[in-house]
C-alpha atoms as a PDB file:
ATOM      1  CA  MET A   1     -12.857 -18.505   8.803  1.00  0.00           C
ATOM      2  CA  ASN A   2      -9.138 -18.627   9.598  1.00  0.00           C
ATOM      3  CA  PRO A   3      -7.729 -15.287   8.336  1.00  0.00           C
ATOM      4  CA  TYR A   4      -4.440 -16.912   7.283  1.00  0.00           C
ATOM      5  CA  GLN A   5      -6.351 -18.938   4.685  1.00  0.00           C
ATOM      6  CA  ILE A   6      -6.199 -15.827   2.478  1.00  0.00           C
ATOM      7  CA  PHE A   7      -2.623 -16.883   1.610  1.00  0.00           C
ATOM      8  CA  ASP A   8      -3.716 -20.394   0.524  1.00  0.00           C
ATOM      9  CA  GLU A   9      -3.310 -20.460  -3.248  1.00  0.00           C
ATOM     10  CA  SER A  10      -5.160 -23.787  -3.519  1.00  0.00           C
ATOM     11  CA  VAL A  11      -8.377 -21.828  -2.865  1.00  0.00           C
ATOM     12  CA  SER A  12      -9.638 -19.464  -5.557  1.00  0.00           C
ATOM     13  CA  PHE A  13      -9.539 -15.730  -4.967  1.00  0.00           C
ATOM     14  CA  GLU A  14     -13.296 -15.497  -5.492  1.00  0.00           C
ATOM     15  CA  GLU A  15     -14.074 -18.142  -2.873  1.00  0.00           C
ATOM     16  CA  LYS A  16     -11.835 -16.435  -0.337  1.00  0.00           C
ATOM     17  CA  ALA A  17     -13.282 -13.001  -1.128  1.00  0.00           C
ATOM     18  CA  LEU A  18     -16.861 -14.229  -0.762  1.00  0.00           C
ATOM     19  CA  ASN A  19     -16.011 -15.819   2.594  1.00  0.00           C
ATOM     20  CA  VAL A  20     -14.389 -12.597   3.817  1.00  0.00           C
ATOM     21  CA  PHE A  21     -17.384 -10.582   2.581  1.00  0.00           C
ATOM     22  CA  LYS A  22     -19.751 -12.798   4.564  1.00  0.00           C
ATOM     23  CA  TYR A  23     -17.595 -12.497   7.684  1.00  0.00           C
ATOM     24  CA  GLN A  24     -17.299  -8.720   7.424  1.00  0.00           C
ATOM     25  CA  THR A  25     -20.963  -8.032   6.717  1.00  0.00           C
ATOM     26  CA  GLU A  26     -21.767 -10.053   9.844  1.00  0.00           C
ATOM     27  CA  ASN A  27     -19.115  -8.526  12.121  1.00  0.00           C
ATOM     28  CA  ASN A  28     -18.234  -5.055  10.793  1.00  0.00           C
ATOM     29  CA  ARG A  29     -20.862  -2.527  11.876  1.00  0.00           C
ATOM     30  CA  ILE A  30     -19.706   0.214   9.472  1.00  0.00           C
ATOM     31  CA  TYR A  31     -19.509  -2.036   6.418  1.00  0.00           C
ATOM     32  CA  GLN A  32     -22.766  -3.739   7.359  1.00  0.00           C
ATOM     33  CA  ARG A  33     -24.522  -0.373   7.483  1.00  0.00           C
ATOM     34  CA  PHE A  34     -22.953   0.636   4.159  1.00  0.00           C
ATOM     35  CA  CYS A  35     -24.208  -2.514   2.425  1.00  0.00           C
ATOM     36  CA  LYS A  36     -27.654  -2.078   3.984  1.00  0.00           C
ATOM     37  CA  ALA A  37     -27.818   1.537   2.727  1.00  0.00           C
ATOM     38  CA  LEU A  38     -27.149   0.219  -0.784  1.00  0.00           C
ATOM     39  CA  GLY A  39     -29.793  -2.477  -0.404  1.00  0.00           C
ATOM     40  CA  ILE A  40     -27.227  -5.263  -0.654  1.00  0.00           C
ATOM     41  CA  ASP A  41     -27.744  -8.359   1.461  1.00  0.00           C
ATOM     42  CA  LYS A  42     -26.592 -11.493  -0.303  1.00  0.00           C
ATOM     43  CA  ILE A  43     -24.289 -11.682  -3.329  1.00  0.00           C
ATOM     44  CA  ALA A  44     -23.350 -14.399  -5.797  1.00  0.00           C
ATOM     45  CA  SER A  45     -20.052 -13.093  -7.211  1.00  0.00           C
ATOM     46  CA  ILE A  46     -17.248 -10.707  -6.283  1.00  0.00           C
ATOM     47  CA  GLU A  47     -18.474  -8.287  -8.970  1.00  0.00           C
ATOM     48  CA  GLU A  48     -21.482  -7.624  -6.722  1.00  0.00           C
ATOM     49  CA  ILE A  49     -19.384  -6.708  -3.665  1.00  0.00           C
ATOM     50  CA  PRO A  50     -19.688  -2.988  -2.815  1.00  0.00           C
ATOM     51  CA  LEU A  51     -16.505  -1.029  -2.135  1.00  0.00           C
ATOM     52  CA  LEU A  52     -16.442   1.108   0.998  1.00  0.00           C
ATOM     53  CA  PRO A  53     -15.235   4.671   0.266  1.00  0.00           C
ATOM     54  CA  ILE A  54     -11.826   5.171   1.833  1.00  0.00           C
ATOM     55  CA  GLN A  55     -13.120   8.273   3.599  1.00  0.00           C
ATOM     56  CA  ALA A  56     -14.681   5.862   6.112  1.00  0.00           C
ATOM     57  CA  PHE A  57     -11.249   5.387   7.702  1.00  0.00           C
ATOM     58  CA  LYS A  58     -11.270   9.090   8.566  1.00  0.00           C
ATOM     59  CA  GLU A  59     -14.863   9.234   9.766  1.00  0.00           C
ATOM     60  CA  LYS A  60     -15.150   6.033  11.814  1.00  0.00           C
ATOM     61  CA  GLU A  61     -13.277   3.143  13.376  1.00  0.00           C
ATOM     62  CA  VAL A  62     -13.568   0.490  10.667  1.00  0.00           C
ATOM     63  CA  THR A  63     -13.142  -2.816  12.457  1.00  0.00           C
ATOM     64  CA  THR A  64     -14.340  -6.366  11.984  1.00  0.00           C
ATOM     65  CA  ALA A  65     -14.430  -7.910  15.433  1.00  0.00           C
ATOM     66  CA  THR A  66     -16.563 -10.427  17.298  1.00  0.00           C
ATOM     67  CA  LYS A  67     -15.843  -8.849  20.714  1.00  0.00           C
ATOM     68  CA  GLN A  68     -15.043  -5.461  22.240  1.00  0.00           C
ATOM     69  CA  LEU A  69     -11.416  -4.424  21.752  1.00  0.00           C
ATOM     70  CA  SER A  70      -9.286  -3.461  24.729  1.00  0.00           C
ATOM     71  CA  ALA A  71      -6.906  -0.518  24.468  1.00  0.00           C
ATOM     72  CA  ASN A  72      -3.760  -2.658  24.174  1.00  0.00           C
ATOM     73  CA  SER A  73      -5.132  -5.378  21.913  1.00  0.00           C
ATOM     74  CA  TYR A  74      -4.346  -3.795  18.538  1.00  0.00           C
ATOM     75  CA  GLN A  75      -1.828  -1.806  16.506  1.00  0.00           C
ATOM     76  CA  LEU A  76      -3.006   1.638  15.425  1.00  0.00           C
ATOM     77  CA  PHE A  77      -1.787   3.177  12.160  1.00  0.00           C
ATOM     78  CA  ARG A  78      -2.498   6.770  11.151  1.00  0.00           C
ATOM     79  CA  SER A  79      -1.917   8.488   7.827  1.00  0.00           C
ATOM     80  CA  SER A  80       0.496  11.404   7.631  1.00  0.00           C
ATOM     81  CA  GLY A  81      -0.883  14.909   7.903  1.00  0.00           C
ATOM     82  CA  THR A  82      -0.400  18.335   9.387  1.00  0.00           C
ATOM     83  CA  SER A  83      -1.761  19.364  12.762  1.00  0.00           C
ATOM     84  CA  GLY A  84      -5.540  19.664  12.730  1.00  0.00           C
ATOM     85  CA  MET A  85      -5.925  17.656   9.503  1.00  0.00           C
ATOM     86  CA  GLN A  86      -8.383  14.785   9.552  1.00  0.00           C
ATOM     87  CA  ARG A  87      -6.228  11.674   9.253  1.00  0.00           C
ATOM     88  CA  SER A  88      -7.121   8.110   8.392  1.00  0.00           C
ATOM     89  CA  LYS A  89      -6.736   5.532  11.116  1.00  0.00           C
ATOM     90  CA  HIS A  90      -6.422   1.803  10.637  1.00  0.00           C
ATOM     91  CA  ILE A  91      -6.950  -0.452  13.640  1.00  0.00           C
ATOM     92  CA  VAL A  92      -4.919  -3.629  13.059  1.00  0.00           C
ATOM     93  CA  ILE A  93      -6.099  -6.394  15.371  1.00  0.00           C
ATOM     94  CA  ASP A  94      -3.518  -8.950  14.192  1.00  0.00           C
ATOM     95  CA  PRO A  95      -0.148  -7.323  13.308  1.00  0.00           C
ATOM     96  CA  ASP A  96       1.259 -10.767  12.451  1.00  0.00           C
ATOM     97  CA  LEU A  97      -1.247 -10.994   9.604  1.00  0.00           C
ATOM     98  CA  TYR A  98       0.096  -7.674   8.297  1.00  0.00           C
ATOM     99  CA  LYS A  99       3.658  -8.943   8.655  1.00  0.00           C
ATOM    100  CA  GLN A 100       2.889 -12.095   6.653  1.00  0.00           C
ATOM    101  CA  SER A 101       1.222  -9.969   3.976  1.00  0.00           C
ATOM    102  CA  ILE A 102       4.384  -7.827   3.768  1.00  0.00           C
ATOM    103  CA  PHE A 103       6.747 -10.788   3.463  1.00  0.00           C
ATOM    104  CA  ASP A 104       4.649 -13.086   1.278  1.00  0.00           C
ATOM    105  CA  GLY A 105       3.659 -10.174  -0.948  1.00  0.00           C
ATOM    106  CA  MET A 106       7.271  -9.224  -1.628  1.00  0.00           C
ATOM    107  CA  TRP A 107       8.272 -12.862  -2.095  1.00  0.00           C
ATOM    108  CA  GLU A 108       5.895 -13.068  -5.059  1.00  0.00           C
ATOM    109  CA  PHE A 109       8.101 -10.526  -6.869  1.00  0.00           C
ATOM    110  CA  TYR A 110      11.524 -10.529  -5.155  1.00  0.00           C
ATOM    111  CA  ASP A 111      13.865 -13.048  -3.541  1.00  0.00           C
ATOM    112  CA  LEU A 112      14.213 -11.331  -0.184  1.00  0.00           C
ATOM    113  CA  HIS A 113      17.231 -13.503   0.713  1.00  0.00           C
ATOM    114  CA  ASP A 114      19.184 -11.522  -1.881  1.00  0.00           C
ATOM    115  CA  TYR A 115      18.577  -8.028  -0.520  1.00  0.00           C
ATOM    116  CA  VAL A 116      19.832  -5.666   2.127  1.00  0.00           C
ATOM    117  CA  ILE A 117      17.074  -3.168   2.937  1.00  0.00           C
ATOM    118  CA  TRP A 118      17.831   0.525   3.381  1.00  0.00           C
ATOM    119  CA  ALA A 119      15.009   2.924   4.210  1.00  0.00           C
ATOM    120  CA  TYR A 120      15.006   6.699   3.805  1.00  0.00           C
ATOM    121  CA  THR A 121      11.785   8.114   5.219  1.00  0.00           C
ATOM    122  CA  PRO A 122      11.748  11.898   5.740  1.00  0.00           C
ATOM    123  CA  GLY A 123       8.251  13.070   6.580  1.00  0.00           C
ATOM    124  CA  TYR A 124       7.328   9.681   8.048  1.00  0.00           C
ATOM    125  CA  ASN A 125       9.733   9.435  10.983  1.00  0.00           C
ATOM    126  CA  SER A 126       7.741  12.072  12.860  1.00  0.00           C
ATOM    127  CA  ASN A 127       4.600   9.899  12.605  1.00  0.00           C
ATOM    128  CA  PRO A 128       4.806   7.282  15.392  1.00  0.00           C
ATOM    129  CA  ASN A 129       1.852   5.434  13.837  1.00  0.00           C
ATOM    130  CA  SER A 130       3.195   5.174  10.274  1.00  0.00           C
ATOM    131  CA  SER A 131       2.323   1.858   8.619  1.00  0.00           C
ATOM    132  CA  LEU A 132       5.164   2.410   6.108  1.00  0.00           C
ATOM    133  CA  VAL A 133       7.774   2.756   8.858  1.00  0.00           C
ATOM    134  CA  TRP A 134       6.320  -0.348  10.569  1.00  0.00           C
ATOM    135  CA  MET A 135       6.559  -2.276   7.303  1.00  0.00           C
ATOM    136  CA  LEU A 136      10.152  -1.210   6.644  1.00  0.00           C
ATOM    137  CA  ASN A 137      11.145  -2.029  10.204  1.00  0.00           C
ATOM    138  CA  ALA A 138       9.712  -5.538   9.763  1.00  0.00           C
ATOM    139  CA  LEU A 139      11.726  -6.012   6.556  1.00  0.00           C
ATOM    140  CA  ILE A 140      14.898  -4.716   8.208  1.00  0.00           C
ATOM    141  CA  GLU A 141      14.470  -6.974  11.252  1.00  0.00           C
ATOM    142  CA  ARG A 142      14.020 -10.140   9.169  1.00  0.00           C
ATOM    143  CA  GLU A 143      17.192  -9.531   7.092  1.00  0.00           C
ATOM    144  CA  ASP A 144      20.108 -11.357   8.735  1.00  0.00           C
ATOM    145  CA  SER A 145      23.265  -9.642   7.433  1.00  0.00           C
ATOM    146  CA  GLY A 146      23.160  -6.794   9.944  1.00  0.00           C
ATOM    147  CA  LEU A 147      23.520  -4.311   7.069  1.00  0.00           C
ATOM    148  CA  SER A 148      19.855  -3.360   6.727  1.00  0.00           C
ATOM    149  CA  LYS A 149      18.848  -0.096   8.394  1.00  0.00           C
ATOM    150  CA  PHE A 150      17.015   3.206   8.368  1.00  0.00           C
ATOM    151  CA  LEU A 151      19.270   5.873   6.897  1.00  0.00           C
ATOM    152  CA  GLU A 152      19.951   9.059   8.811  1.00  0.00           C
ATOM    153  CA  LEU A 153      18.007  12.011   7.460  1.00  0.00           C
ATOM    154  CA  ASP A 154      19.840  14.745   5.570  1.00  0.00           C
ATOM    155  CA  LYS A 155      23.006  12.629   5.309  1.00  0.00           C
ATOM    156  CA  PRO A 156      24.540  11.315   2.055  1.00  0.00           C
ATOM    157  CA  LEU A 157      24.995   7.680   1.148  1.00  0.00           C
ATOM    158  CA  LEU A 158      28.502   6.444   2.000  1.00  0.00           C
ATOM    159  CA  GLN A 159      30.583   4.503  -0.502  1.00  0.00           C
ATOM    160  CA  ASN A 160      32.223   2.283   2.126  1.00  0.00           C
ATOM    161  CA  GLU A 161      28.803   1.088   3.328  1.00  0.00           C
ATOM    162  CA  ILE A 162      27.735   0.363  -0.249  1.00  0.00           C
ATOM    163  CA  ASP A 163      30.966  -1.575  -0.767  1.00  0.00           C
ATOM    164  CA  GLN A 164      30.156  -3.634   2.337  1.00  0.00           C
ATOM    165  CA  ILE A 165      26.960  -4.797   0.686  1.00  0.00           C
ATOM    166  CA  LYS A 166      28.860  -5.725  -2.474  1.00  0.00           C
ATOM    167  CA  THR A 167      31.340  -7.713  -0.357  1.00  0.00           C
ATOM    168  CA  SER A 168      28.482  -9.536   1.385  1.00  0.00           C
ATOM    169  CA  GLU A 169      27.322 -10.749  -2.062  1.00  0.00           C
ATOM    170  CA  LYS A 170      23.913  -9.239  -1.472  1.00  0.00           C
ATOM    171  CA  LYS A 171      22.075  -6.560  -3.408  1.00  0.00           C
ATOM    172  CA  LEU A 172      20.743  -3.255  -2.133  1.00  0.00           C
ATOM    173  CA  MET A 173      17.060  -2.375  -2.118  1.00  0.00           C
ATOM    174  CA  LEU A 174      16.659   1.298  -1.228  1.00  0.00           C
ATOM    175  CA  PHE A 175      13.148   2.287  -0.103  1.00  0.00           C
ATOM    176  CA  GLY A 176      12.072   5.890   0.109  1.00  0.00           C
ATOM    177  CA  ALA A 177       9.386   8.487  -0.435  1.00  0.00           C
ATOM    178  CA  ALA A 178       9.623   9.886  -3.944  1.00  0.00           C
ATOM    179  CA  PHE A 179      11.071  13.348  -3.430  1.00  0.00           C
ATOM    180  CA  GLY A 180      13.080  12.259  -0.405  1.00  0.00           C
ATOM    181  CA  LEU A 181      14.948   9.918  -2.757  1.00  0.00           C
ATOM    182  CA  LEU A 182      15.621  12.803  -5.135  1.00  0.00           C
ATOM    183  CA  ASP A 183      17.095  14.803  -2.257  1.00  0.00           C
ATOM    184  CA  LEU A 184      19.206  11.810  -1.208  1.00  0.00           C
ATOM    185  CA  ALA A 185      20.494  11.280  -4.746  1.00  0.00           C
ATOM    186  CA  GLU A 186      21.494  14.945  -5.088  1.00  0.00           C
ATOM    187  CA  ARG A 187      23.304  14.784  -1.754  1.00  0.00           C
ATOM    188  CA  SER A 188      25.242  11.581  -2.512  1.00  0.00           C
ATOM    189  CA  ASN A 189      28.191  10.917  -4.765  1.00  0.00           C
ATOM    190  CA  VAL A 190      28.451   7.144  -4.810  1.00  0.00           C
ATOM    191  CA  ASP A 191      28.803   4.254  -7.217  1.00  0.00           C
ATOM    192  CA  LEU A 192      25.802   1.961  -6.768  1.00  0.00           C
ATOM    193  CA  ALA A 193      25.889  -1.564  -8.140  1.00  0.00           C
ATOM    194  CA  LYS A 194      23.785  -1.792 -11.287  1.00  0.00           C
ATOM    195  CA  ASP A 195      21.581  -4.445  -9.680  1.00  0.00           C
ATOM    196  CA  THR A 196      20.514  -2.025  -6.928  1.00  0.00           C
ATOM    197  CA  ILE A 197      16.746  -1.529  -6.759  1.00  0.00           C
ATOM    198  CA  VAL A 198      15.389   1.888  -5.823  1.00  0.00           C
ATOM    199  CA  MET A 199      11.846   1.402  -4.480  1.00  0.00           C
ATOM    200  CA  GLU A 200       9.871   4.639  -4.359  1.00  0.00           C
ATOM    201  CA  THR A 201       6.811   4.502  -2.163  1.00  0.00           C
ATOM    202  CA  GLY A 202       4.962   7.561  -3.470  1.00  0.00           C
ATOM    203  CA  GLY A 203       4.493  10.255  -0.868  1.00  0.00           C
ATOM    204  CA  MET A 204       5.586  13.662  -2.112  1.00  0.00           C
ATOM    205  CA  LYS A 205       6.853  14.824   1.263  1.00  0.00           C
ATOM    206  CA  THR A 206       8.690  17.996   0.257  1.00  0.00           C
ATOM    207  CA  PHE A 207       7.731  21.225  -1.433  1.00  0.00           C
ATOM    208  CA  ARG A 208       9.364  20.382  -4.737  1.00  0.00           C
ATOM    209  CA  ARG A 209       7.453  20.862  -7.962  1.00  0.00           C
ATOM    210  CA  GLU A 210       5.037  18.218  -9.196  1.00  0.00           C
ATOM    211  CA  MET A 211       6.452  15.547 -11.505  1.00  0.00           C
ATOM    212  CA  THR A 212       4.881  12.738 -13.477  1.00  0.00           C
ATOM    213  CA  LYS A 213       5.749   9.225 -12.376  1.00  0.00           C
ATOM    214  CA  GLN A 214       7.742   8.700 -15.589  1.00  0.00           C
ATOM    215  CA  ASP A 215       9.730  11.898 -15.088  1.00  0.00           C
ATOM    216  CA  LEU A 216      10.371  10.965 -11.471  1.00  0.00           C
ATOM    217  CA  HIS A 217      11.702   7.528 -12.381  1.00  0.00           C
ATOM    218  CA  GLU A 218      13.883   8.908 -15.161  1.00  0.00           C
ATOM    219  CA  GLN A 219      15.328  11.481 -12.778  1.00  0.00           C
ATOM    220  CA  LEU A 220      15.986   8.876 -10.081  1.00  0.00           C
ATOM    221  CA  ALA A 221      17.692   6.581 -12.612  1.00  0.00           C
ATOM    222  CA  LYS A 222      19.879   9.433 -13.828  1.00  0.00           C
ATOM    223  CA  ASP A 223      20.775  10.725 -10.365  1.00  0.00           C
ATOM    224  CA  PHE A 224      21.564   7.285  -8.922  1.00  0.00           C
ATOM    225  CA  GLY A 225      23.361   6.136 -12.090  1.00  0.00           C
ATOM    226  CA  LEU A 226      21.071   3.136 -12.565  1.00  0.00           C
ATOM    227  CA  PRO A 227      19.205   1.611 -15.519  1.00  0.00           C
ATOM    228  CA  LEU A 228      15.582   2.778 -15.645  1.00  0.00           C
ATOM    229  CA  GLU A 229      14.348  -0.779 -15.082  1.00  0.00           C
ATOM    230  CA  GLN A 230      15.938  -0.695 -11.605  1.00  0.00           C
ATOM    231  CA  ILE A 231      13.540   2.029 -10.439  1.00  0.00           C
ATOM    232  CA  HIS A 232      10.522   0.303  -8.905  1.00  0.00           C
ATOM    233  CA  SER A 233       7.398   1.497  -7.077  1.00  0.00           C
ATOM    234  CA  GLU A 234       5.275   0.287  -4.205  1.00  0.00           C
ATOM    235  CA  TYR A 235       1.553   1.097  -4.090  1.00  0.00           C
ATOM    236  CA  GLY A 236       0.263   1.022  -0.562  1.00  0.00           C
ATOM    237  CA  MET A 237      -1.513   3.191   1.981  1.00  0.00           C
ATOM    238  CA  THR A 238      -2.474   3.354   5.638  1.00  0.00           C
ATOM    239  CA  GLU A 239      -5.880   1.831   4.869  1.00  0.00           C
ATOM    240  CA  LEU A 240      -4.429  -1.270   3.145  1.00  0.00           C
ATOM    241  CA  LEU A 241      -2.320  -4.080   4.592  1.00  0.00           C
ATOM    242  CA  SER A 242      -1.054  -5.299   1.212  1.00  0.00           C
ATOM    243  CA  GLN A 243       1.114  -3.623  -1.393  1.00  0.00           C
ATOM    244  CA  ALA A 244       1.305  -3.788  -5.166  1.00  0.00           C
ATOM    245  CA  TYR A 245       4.608  -3.395  -7.016  1.00  0.00           C
ATOM    246  CA  SER A 246       5.727  -1.986 -10.349  1.00  0.00           C
ATOM    247  CA  ARG A 247       9.103  -3.234 -11.538  1.00  0.00           C
ATOM    248  CA  GLY A 248      10.777  -0.944 -14.038  1.00  0.00           C
ATOM    249  CA  SER A 249       7.520   0.309 -15.533  1.00  0.00           C
ATOM    250  CA  GLU A 250       4.461   2.292 -14.460  1.00  0.00           C
ATOM    251  CA  TRP A 251       2.236  -0.830 -14.273  1.00  0.00           C
ATOM    252  CA  PHE A 252       1.543  -2.430 -10.893  1.00  0.00           C
ATOM    253  CA  ASP A 253       1.035  -6.110 -10.095  1.00  0.00           C
ATOM    254  CA  CYS A 254      -0.832  -7.335  -7.010  1.00  0.00           C
ATOM    255  CA  PRO A 255      -0.041 -10.271  -4.723  1.00  0.00           C
ATOM    256  CA  SER A 256      -2.420 -13.199  -5.044  1.00  0.00           C
ATOM    257  CA  TRP A 257      -4.774 -12.114  -2.201  1.00  0.00           C
ATOM    258  CA  MET A 258      -5.201  -8.568  -3.544  1.00  0.00           C
ATOM    259  CA  GLN A 259      -7.164  -7.492  -6.606  1.00  0.00           C
ATOM    260  CA  VAL A 260      -7.625  -4.077  -8.225  1.00  0.00           C
ATOM    261  CA  SER A 261     -10.431  -2.862 -10.475  1.00  0.00           C
ATOM    262  CA  ILE A 262     -11.170   0.511 -12.057  1.00  0.00           C
ATOM    263  CA  ARG A 263     -14.576   1.934 -11.153  1.00  0.00           C
ATOM    264  CA  ASN A 264     -16.961   4.472 -12.619  1.00  0.00           C
ATOM    265  CA  PRO A 265     -16.797   7.443 -10.188  1.00  0.00           C
ATOM    266  CA  GLU A 266     -20.504   8.157 -10.813  1.00  0.00           C
ATOM    267  CA  ASN A 267     -21.455   4.551 -10.106  1.00  0.00           C
ATOM    268  CA  PRO A 268     -18.699   2.690  -8.208  1.00  0.00           C
ATOM    269  CA  MET A 269     -20.570  -0.605  -8.482  1.00  0.00           C
ATOM    270  CA  GLN A 270     -19.710  -0.510 -12.195  1.00  0.00           C
ATOM    271  CA  GLU A 271     -16.264  -1.196 -13.659  1.00  0.00           C
ATOM    272  CA  VAL A 272     -15.119   0.958 -16.573  1.00  0.00           C
ATOM    273  CA  GLU A 273     -13.842  -0.438 -19.871  1.00  0.00           C
ATOM    274  CA  GLN A 274     -10.219  -1.577 -20.115  1.00  0.00           C
ATOM    275  CA  GLY A 275      -7.960   1.423 -20.677  1.00  0.00           C
ATOM    276  CA  GLU A 276     -10.582   3.895 -19.448  1.00  0.00           C
ATOM    277  CA  GLU A 277      -9.775   6.135 -16.484  1.00  0.00           C
ATOM    278  CA  GLY A 278     -11.692   5.720 -13.247  1.00  0.00           C
ATOM    279  CA  LEU A 279     -11.385   5.307  -9.496  1.00  0.00           C
ATOM    280  CA  ILE A 280      -9.093   2.564  -8.218  1.00  0.00           C
ATOM    281  CA  GLY A 281     -10.997  -0.064  -6.258  1.00  0.00           C
ATOM    282  CA  VAL A 282      -9.138  -2.596  -4.145  1.00  0.00           C
ATOM    283  CA  ILE A 283      -9.999  -5.940  -2.642  1.00  0.00           C
ATOM    284  CA  ASP A 284      -7.311  -6.581  -0.032  1.00  0.00           C
ATOM    285  CA  LEU A 285      -8.065  -9.776   1.867  1.00  0.00           C
ATOM    286  CA  ALA A 286      -5.298  -8.969   4.378  1.00  0.00           C
ATOM    287  CA  ASN A 287      -7.703  -6.300   5.690  1.00  0.00           C
ATOM    288  CA  PHE A 288      -9.528  -9.197   7.314  1.00  0.00           C
ATOM    289  CA  TYR A 289     -10.147  -7.367  10.593  1.00  0.00           C
ATOM    290  CA  SER A 290     -11.016  -3.966   9.081  1.00  0.00           C
ATOM    291  CA  CYS A 291     -12.589  -3.862   5.609  1.00  0.00           C
ATOM    292  CA  SER A 292     -11.246  -5.717   2.590  1.00  0.00           C
ATOM    293  CA  PHE A 293     -13.336  -3.882  -0.004  1.00  0.00           C
ATOM    294  CA  ILE A 294     -12.131  -0.317  -0.566  1.00  0.00           C
ATOM    295  CA  LEU A 295     -12.868   2.440  -3.069  1.00  0.00           C
ATOM    296  CA  THR A 296      -9.762   4.635  -3.019  1.00  0.00           C
ATOM    297  CA  GLY A 297      -9.490   8.279  -3.953  1.00  0.00           C
ATOM    298  CA  ASP A 298      -6.907   7.465  -6.640  1.00  0.00           C
ATOM    299  CA  LYS A 299      -7.390   7.674 -10.387  1.00  0.00           C
ATOM    300  CA  GLY A 300      -6.134   4.789 -12.502  1.00  0.00           C
ATOM    301  CA  ILE A 301      -6.424   2.592 -15.579  1.00  0.00           C
ATOM    302  CA  MET A 302      -6.135  -1.161 -16.196  1.00  0.00           C
ATOM    303  CA  ASN A 303      -4.456  -3.039 -19.054  1.00  0.00           C
ATOM    304  CA  ALA A 304      -5.161  -6.424 -20.653  1.00  0.00           C
ATOM    305  CA  GLU A 305      -2.761  -8.172 -18.222  1.00  0.00           C
ATOM    306  CA  ASN A 306      -4.764  -7.000 -15.193  1.00  0.00           C
ATOM    307  CA  GLN A 307      -2.031  -4.585 -14.251  1.00  0.00           C
ATOM    308  CA  PHE A 308      -2.992  -1.100 -13.141  1.00  0.00           C
ATOM    309  CA  GLN A 309      -1.457   2.332 -13.368  1.00  0.00           C
ATOM    310  CA  VAL A 310      -1.925   5.177 -10.882  1.00  0.00           C
ATOM    311  CA  LEU A 311      -2.711   8.524 -12.494  1.00  0.00           C
ATOM    312  CA  GLY A 312      -2.922  10.698  -9.388  1.00  0.00           C
ATOM    313  CA  ARG A 313      -5.697  11.755  -7.046  1.00  0.00           C
ATOM    314  CA  TRP A 314      -9.349  12.123  -8.023  1.00  0.00           C
ATOM    315  CA  ASN A 315     -10.611  15.672  -7.547  1.00  0.00           C
ATOM    316  CA  PRO A 316     -14.157  15.470  -6.076  1.00  0.00           C
ATOM    317  CA  LYS A 317     -14.219  16.417  -2.396  1.00  0.00           C
ATOM    318  CA  ASN A 318     -16.392  13.523  -1.266  1.00  0.00           C
ATOM    319  CA  LEU A 319     -16.646  10.086  -2.777  1.00  0.00           C
ATOM    320  CA  ARG A 320     -20.156   9.038  -3.695  1.00  0.00           C
ATOM    321  CA  GLY A 321     -21.899   6.912  -1.109  1.00  0.00           C
ATOM    322  CA  CYS A 322     -20.113   8.157   2.025  1.00  0.00           C
ATOM    323  CA  ASN A 323     -22.868  10.331   3.519  1.00  0.00           C
ATOM    324  CA  PHE A 324     -24.207   7.514   5.700  1.00  0.00           C
ATOM    325  CA  LEU A 325     -21.009   7.630   7.732  1.00  0.00           C
ATOM    326  CA  ILE A 326     -21.894  10.914   9.377  1.00  0.00           C
ATOM    327  CA  ASP A 327     -25.330   9.715  10.513  1.00  0.00           C
ATOM    328  CA  HIS A 328     -25.859   9.126  14.212  1.00  0.00           C
ATOM    329  CA  ASP A 329     -25.200   5.595  15.404  1.00  0.00           C
END
């Protein structure tokens, strides 16, 4: 299977997912062992596909490969964390596939030609293997005005630079970790154009008090002087190569090669009823060379439009079904 076929909208999501499942159960030792432990061999529909607990990315190297990898043949991403903390690692065999997922995924929701990209990433800059920083760098490099950039940490926004964007007839899209954006807004005294989009990427990277997503967005809108509908969110993580977006609400939409379901934490093979809380499960076909079928540690709900909402982290220490990962090879 050509991995870039995941972006082909003439092929149904189910057909692509079943093809990726077959490829990964044949070539991913960790996922193969997981399916075998569950007694799953062949499947007939995507509802039967088991979701690998995300803890696997901390315990093992989750790769789908037909040959041994050399040290310089892949991009390595690691989750953020303090010294000594067990961090997730994502081995990305084809970074260009990730880059296409970034661009094509955003194009489904935004006209990237219209936007200058600014990135404010305190707490991530010190992580040389941050997938978020890699993603933002890719977006900045593709934008051709010369105005896109990473913002200096602990510095305010400057009005003359904002005015440059207005003069260029482009709009500003400001990416940042949630509380980093609050710090930036407090530090800055500028007049942003009302069509500016503030894109918070989650990640509570300071010691500020906890806030609900709604309170956070209302505070960002107030502090930046923007309408609430201009505060957007990205849902992504080290273990995924695709992102979902919420645009002026708390409900996320997925690109066409990504699908979310809400699972019963006691039996992750079972989806919960619409509107019922459960664990967020993700099928991300861009994870072609790792594992596309992931049970996250996030709590969420789904609505009738197949949009999902993130309600925070799930509390149990270990996700059900992960014990096999610590067995000897």
